[in-house]
């Protein structure tokens, strides 16, 4: 048995081709992102990776559209989005396929 701690990971990313990680792989990346109201990310896109975002709790806005717990948003390569957290204690599970370093373009 191996035990890891999310607090030791970088920005919630715990699987992918980076350190530290629970599983080092080029196949995909997984994160549990924790947000507070007002947290945001600038508009960006990926040239190679698809990104799936599951809003596990709380509420977010992406490209002007509000998403609540249970929403799953797929951003395919070349599609851009911004991100704004609308409620405290919002949690999102993010999966990027494949894991490609430096594939985030603002």
N, C-alpha and C. Protein backbone atom coordinates (compact mmCIF):
# COMPACT_ATOMS: atom_id res chain seq x y z
N UNK A 1 0.84 -1.17 0.00
CA UNK A 1 0.00 0.00 0.00
C UNK A 1 0.89 1.24 0.00
N UNK A 2 0.51 2.20 -0.85
CA UNK A 2 1.16 3.50 -0.85
C UNK A 2 0.11 4.53 -0.50
N UNK A 3 0.50 5.53 0.25
CA UNK A 3 -0.42 6.59 0.64
C UNK A 3 0.16 7.92 0.21
N UNK A 4 -0.67 8.74 -0.43
CA UNK A 4 -0.28 10.05 -0.91
C UNK A 4 -1.18 11.09 -0.26
N UNK A 5 -0.81 12.36 -0.39
CA UNK A 5 -1.61 13.43 0.17
C UNK A 5 -1.80 14.50 -0.89
N UNK A 6 -3.05 14.87 -1.15
CA UNK A 6 -3.35 15.86 -2.18
C UNK A 6 -2.68 17.20 -1.89
N UNK A 7 -2.50 17.53 -0.63
CA UNK A 7 -1.85 18.79 -0.26
C UNK A 7 -0.39 18.85 -0.71
N UNK A 8 0.21 17.71 -0.98
CA UNK A 8 1.61 17.66 -1.43
C UNK A 8 1.72 17.77 -2.96
N UNK A 9 0.58 17.68 -3.66
CA UNK A 9 0.57 17.75 -5.11
C UNK A 9 0.50 19.22 -5.53
N UNK A 10 0.83 19.50 -6.78
CA UNK A 10 0.83 20.87 -7.28
C UNK A 10 -0.52 21.20 -7.91
N UNK A 11 -1.21 22.18 -7.31
CA UNK A 11 -2.51 22.67 -7.79
C UNK A 11 -3.53 21.56 -7.98
N UNK A 12 -3.45 20.50 -7.19
CA UNK A 12 -4.44 19.43 -7.23
C UNK A 12 -4.16 18.33 -8.23
N UNK A 13 -3.12 18.51 -9.07
CA UNK A 13 -2.80 17.49 -10.08
C UNK A 13 -2.07 16.33 -9.42
N UNK A 14 -2.65 15.12 -9.51
CA UNK A 14 -2.04 13.98 -8.82
C UNK A 14 -1.70 12.79 -9.71
N UNK A 15 -2.16 12.79 -10.96
CA UNK A 15 -1.75 11.76 -11.93
C UNK A 15 -1.36 12.46 -13.21
N UNK A 16 -0.20 12.08 -13.77
CA UNK A 16 0.28 12.65 -15.02
C UNK A 16 1.79 12.61 -15.07
N UNK A 17 2.36 13.14 -16.14
CA UNK A 17 3.81 13.11 -16.33
C UNK A 17 4.46 14.33 -15.69
N UNK A 18 4.42 14.37 -14.34
CA UNK A 18 5.01 15.45 -13.58
C UNK A 18 5.33 14.94 -12.19
N UNK A 19 6.09 15.72 -11.46
CA UNK A 19 6.45 15.38 -10.08
C UNK A 19 5.98 16.50 -9.16
N UNK A 20 5.42 16.18 -8.04
CA UNK A 20 5.09 14.82 -7.60
C UNK A 20 3.82 14.32 -8.29
N UNK A 21 3.66 13.03 -8.31
CA UNK A 21 2.43 12.41 -8.80
C UNK A 21 2.28 11.03 -8.18
N UNK A 22 1.05 10.56 -8.14
CA UNK A 22 0.78 9.21 -7.64
C UNK A 22 1.07 8.17 -8.72
N UNK A 23 0.89 8.58 -9.97
CA UNK A 23 1.16 7.72 -11.12
C UNK A 23 1.73 8.60 -12.21
N UNK A 24 2.95 8.31 -12.62
CA UNK A 24 3.59 9.09 -13.68
C UNK A 24 3.26 8.42 -15.02
N UNK A 25 2.53 9.18 -15.88
CA UNK A 25 2.11 8.64 -17.17
C UNK A 25 1.92 9.76 -18.17
N UNK A 26 2.12 9.45 -19.45
CA UNK A 26 1.85 10.38 -20.55
C UNK A 26 0.43 10.22 -21.08
N UNK A 27 -0.29 9.21 -20.61
CA UNK A 27 -1.59 8.89 -21.17
C UNK A 27 -2.67 9.89 -20.78
N UNK A 28 -2.62 10.41 -19.55
CA UNK A 28 -3.65 11.33 -19.08
C UNK A 28 -3.18 12.04 -17.83
N UNK A 29 -3.93 13.07 -17.43
CA UNK A 29 -3.69 13.80 -16.18
C UNK A 29 -5.01 13.86 -15.42
N UNK A 30 -4.94 13.81 -14.10
CA UNK A 30 -6.14 13.95 -13.27
C UNK A 30 -5.82 14.88 -12.11
N UNK A 31 -6.80 15.76 -11.82
CA UNK A 31 -6.65 16.68 -10.69
C UNK A 31 -7.97 16.81 -9.95
N UNK A 32 -7.87 17.11 -8.67
CA UNK A 32 -9.00 17.59 -7.89
C UNK A 32 -8.68 19.05 -7.58
N UNK A 33 -9.41 19.94 -8.23
CA UNK A 33 -9.17 21.37 -8.08
C UNK A 33 -10.16 21.92 -7.05
N UNK A 34 -9.63 22.64 -6.06
CA UNK A 34 -10.45 23.23 -5.00
C UNK A 34 -10.44 24.74 -5.17
N UNK A 35 -11.64 25.33 -5.19
CA UNK A 35 -11.77 26.75 -5.46
C UNK A 35 -12.61 27.46 -4.40
N UNK A 36 -12.39 28.76 -4.31
CA UNK A 36 -13.22 29.65 -3.51
C UNK A 36 -13.83 30.69 -4.46
N UNK A 37 -14.96 31.26 -4.05
CA UNK A 37 -15.65 32.25 -4.86
C UNK A 37 -14.67 33.35 -5.30
N UNK A 38 -14.69 33.65 -6.58
CA UNK A 38 -13.82 34.68 -7.13
C UNK A 38 -12.56 34.14 -7.77
N UNK A 39 -12.16 32.90 -7.46
CA UNK A 39 -11.00 32.32 -8.14
C UNK A 39 -11.30 32.25 -9.63
N UNK A 40 -10.28 32.49 -10.44
CA UNK A 40 -10.51 32.48 -11.89
C UNK A 40 -9.25 32.09 -12.64
N UNK A 41 -9.45 31.71 -13.90
CA UNK A 41 -8.36 31.43 -14.82
C UNK A 41 -8.65 32.20 -16.10
N UNK A 42 -7.60 32.73 -16.71
CA UNK A 42 -7.74 33.45 -17.97
C UNK A 42 -8.11 32.49 -19.09
N UNK A 43 -8.69 33.05 -20.14
CA UNK A 43 -9.06 32.24 -21.30
C UNK A 43 -7.83 31.54 -21.84
N UNK A 44 -7.95 30.24 -22.07
CA UNK A 44 -6.84 29.44 -22.59
C UNK A 44 -7.39 28.28 -23.40
N UNK A 45 -6.49 27.60 -24.12
CA UNK A 45 -6.87 26.40 -24.86
C UNK A 45 -5.68 25.46 -24.91
N UNK A 46 -5.96 24.23 -25.34
CA UNK A 46 -4.93 23.21 -25.53
C UNK A 46 -4.92 22.83 -27.01
N UNK A 47 -3.74 22.71 -27.58
CA UNK A 47 -3.63 22.32 -28.99
C UNK A 47 -3.79 20.82 -29.17
N UNK A 48 -3.37 20.03 -28.16
CA UNK A 48 -3.36 18.57 -28.30
C UNK A 48 -4.39 17.90 -27.39
N UNK A 49 -4.45 18.30 -26.15
CA UNK A 49 -5.25 17.59 -25.15
C UNK A 49 -6.72 18.00 -25.16
N UNK A 50 -7.58 17.03 -24.85
CA UNK A 50 -8.97 17.28 -24.51
C UNK A 50 -9.04 17.39 -22.99
N UNK A 51 -9.92 18.25 -22.49
CA UNK A 51 -10.02 18.45 -21.05
C UNK A 51 -11.47 18.28 -20.61
N UNK A 52 -11.68 17.35 -19.69
CA UNK A 52 -13.00 17.09 -19.11
C UNK A 52 -13.02 17.70 -17.71
N UNK A 53 -14.05 18.48 -17.41
CA UNK A 53 -14.20 19.07 -16.08
C UNK A 53 -15.53 18.61 -15.50
N UNK A 54 -15.47 17.92 -14.37
CA UNK A 54 -16.66 17.54 -13.62
C UNK A 54 -16.79 18.49 -12.45
N UNK A 55 -17.89 19.24 -12.40
CA UNK A 55 -18.16 20.09 -11.24
C UNK A 55 -18.73 19.15 -10.17
N UNK A 56 -17.90 18.81 -9.20
CA UNK A 56 -18.31 17.85 -8.16
C UNK A 56 -19.16 18.53 -7.09
N UNK A 57 -18.86 19.80 -6.80
CA UNK A 57 -19.65 20.57 -5.85
C UNK A 57 -19.49 22.04 -6.17
N UNK A 58 -20.50 22.83 -5.85
CA UNK A 58 -20.43 24.27 -6.07
C UNK A 58 -20.93 24.68 -7.44
N UNK A 59 -20.45 25.86 -7.89
CA UNK A 59 -20.92 26.45 -9.14
C UNK A 59 -19.77 27.21 -9.79
N UNK A 60 -19.64 27.06 -11.11
CA UNK A 60 -18.60 27.75 -11.86
C UNK A 60 -19.21 28.38 -13.11
N UNK A 61 -18.44 29.27 -13.72
CA UNK A 61 -18.82 29.85 -15.01
C UNK A 61 -17.67 29.64 -15.97
N UNK A 62 -17.99 29.09 -17.15
CA UNK A 62 -17.00 28.89 -18.20
C UNK A 62 -17.60 29.44 -19.49
N UNK A 63 -16.89 30.35 -20.15
CA UNK A 63 -17.38 30.99 -21.38
C UNK A 63 -18.76 31.60 -21.18
N UNK A 64 -18.99 32.18 -20.00
CA UNK A 64 -20.25 32.87 -19.75
C UNK A 64 -21.42 31.97 -19.38
N UNK A 65 -21.19 30.66 -19.31
CA UNK A 65 -22.25 29.70 -18.99
C UNK A 65 -22.02 29.16 -17.58
N UNK A 66 -23.07 29.20 -16.76
CA UNK A 66 -22.97 28.68 -15.39
C UNK A 66 -23.17 27.16 -15.40
N UNK A 67 -22.34 26.49 -14.59
CA UNK A 67 -22.41 25.04 -14.45
C UNK A 67 -22.49 24.71 -12.97
N UNK A 68 -23.34 23.75 -12.61
CA UNK A 68 -23.55 23.37 -11.21
C UNK A 68 -23.05 21.94 -10.99
N UNK A 69 -23.07 21.52 -9.72
CA UNK A 69 -22.63 20.17 -9.36
C UNK A 69 -23.31 19.13 -10.26
N UNK A 70 -22.50 18.23 -10.79
CA UNK A 70 -23.00 17.19 -11.69
C UNK A 70 -22.74 17.50 -13.16
N UNK A 71 -22.46 18.76 -13.49
CA UNK A 71 -22.15 19.13 -14.87
C UNK A 71 -20.79 18.58 -15.27
N UNK A 72 -20.70 18.10 -16.50
CA UNK A 72 -19.42 17.65 -17.07
C UNK A 72 -19.21 18.43 -18.36
N UNK A 73 -18.10 19.15 -18.42
CA UNK A 73 -17.81 20.01 -19.57
C UNK A 73 -16.61 19.44 -20.31
N UNK A 74 -16.74 19.26 -21.62
CA UNK A 74 -15.64 18.78 -22.45
C UNK A 74 -15.15 19.93 -23.31
N UNK A 75 -13.87 20.25 -23.17
CA UNK A 75 -13.21 21.22 -24.04
C UNK A 75 -12.25 20.44 -24.93
N UNK A 76 -12.50 20.46 -26.23
CA UNK A 76 -11.67 19.71 -27.16
C UNK A 76 -10.51 20.57 -27.64
N UNK A 77 -9.48 19.96 -28.22
CA UNK A 77 -8.33 20.74 -28.69
C UNK A 77 -8.76 21.93 -29.55
N UNK A 78 -8.17 23.09 -29.26
CA UNK A 78 -8.46 24.29 -30.02
C UNK A 78 -9.61 25.11 -29.47
N UNK A 79 -10.45 24.53 -28.60
CA UNK A 79 -11.55 25.28 -27.99
C UNK A 79 -11.01 26.02 -26.77
N UNK A 80 -11.33 27.30 -26.68
CA UNK A 80 -10.82 28.08 -25.54
C UNK A 80 -11.92 28.32 -24.53
N UNK A 81 -11.51 28.49 -23.28
CA UNK A 81 -12.45 28.81 -22.21
C UNK A 81 -11.75 29.61 -21.13
N UNK A 82 -12.54 30.41 -20.45
CA UNK A 82 -12.08 31.03 -19.22
C UNK A 82 -12.78 30.28 -18.09
N UNK A 83 -12.52 30.67 -16.85
CA UNK A 83 -13.08 29.95 -15.71
C UNK A 83 -13.23 30.93 -14.55
N UNK A 84 -14.41 30.89 -13.92
CA UNK A 84 -14.65 31.69 -12.72
C UNK A 84 -15.43 30.84 -11.72
N UNK A 85 -14.96 30.81 -10.47
CA UNK A 85 -15.66 30.11 -9.41
C UNK A 85 -16.72 31.05 -8.83
N UNK A 86 -17.96 30.56 -8.72
CA UNK A 86 -19.07 31.39 -8.26
C UNK A 86 -19.49 31.11 -6.82
N UNK A 87 -19.00 30.02 -6.21
CA UNK A 87 -19.36 29.68 -4.84
C UNK A 87 -18.14 29.18 -4.07
N UNK A 88 -18.10 29.49 -2.79
CA UNK A 88 -17.04 28.95 -1.94
C UNK A 88 -17.13 27.43 -1.89
N UNK A 89 -15.98 26.80 -1.63
CA UNK A 89 -15.89 25.35 -1.48
C UNK A 89 -16.37 24.59 -2.71
N UNK A 90 -16.02 25.11 -3.88
CA UNK A 90 -16.32 24.43 -5.14
C UNK A 90 -15.18 23.47 -5.45
N UNK A 91 -15.53 22.26 -5.86
CA UNK A 91 -14.54 21.24 -6.22
C UNK A 91 -14.81 20.74 -7.63
N UNK A 92 -13.76 20.64 -8.43
CA UNK A 92 -13.85 20.12 -9.79
C UNK A 92 -12.83 19.01 -9.98
N UNK A 93 -13.25 17.95 -10.63
CA UNK A 93 -12.33 16.90 -11.06
C UNK A 93 -12.02 17.18 -12.52
N UNK A 94 -10.73 17.29 -12.84
CA UNK A 94 -10.31 17.62 -14.20
C UNK A 94 -9.46 16.47 -14.74
N UNK A 95 -9.80 16.03 -15.96
CA UNK A 95 -9.05 14.98 -16.65
C UNK A 95 -8.61 15.54 -17.99
N UNK A 96 -7.30 15.47 -18.26
CA UNK A 96 -6.76 15.89 -19.56
C UNK A 96 -6.19 14.66 -20.25
N UNK A 97 -6.54 14.51 -21.54
CA UNK A 97 -6.08 13.36 -22.32
C UNK A 97 -5.56 13.89 -23.65
N UNK A 98 -4.31 13.59 -24.01
CA UNK A 98 -3.25 12.94 -23.24
C UNK A 98 -2.54 13.97 -22.36
N UNK A 99 -1.58 13.49 -21.60
CA UNK A 99 -0.73 14.36 -20.77
C UNK A 99 0.36 14.94 -21.69
N UNK A 100 0.27 16.23 -21.98
CA UNK A 100 1.24 16.88 -22.86
C UNK A 100 1.76 18.11 -22.15
N UNK A 101 3.06 18.14 -21.87
CA UNK A 101 3.66 19.29 -21.20
C UNK A 101 3.58 20.51 -22.10
N UNK A 102 3.38 21.67 -21.48
CA UNK A 102 3.36 22.96 -22.17
C UNK A 102 2.29 23.05 -23.27
N UNK A 103 1.14 22.42 -23.03
CA UNK A 103 0.04 22.45 -23.99
C UNK A 103 -1.08 23.40 -23.53
N UNK A 104 -0.72 24.44 -22.80
CA UNK A 104 -1.71 25.44 -22.36
C UNK A 104 -1.34 26.77 -23.00
N UNK A 105 -2.26 27.34 -23.77
CA UNK A 105 -2.01 28.56 -24.51
C UNK A 105 -3.00 29.63 -24.09
N UNK A 106 -2.49 30.78 -23.64
CA UNK A 106 -3.35 31.88 -23.19
C UNK A 106 -3.67 32.77 -24.37
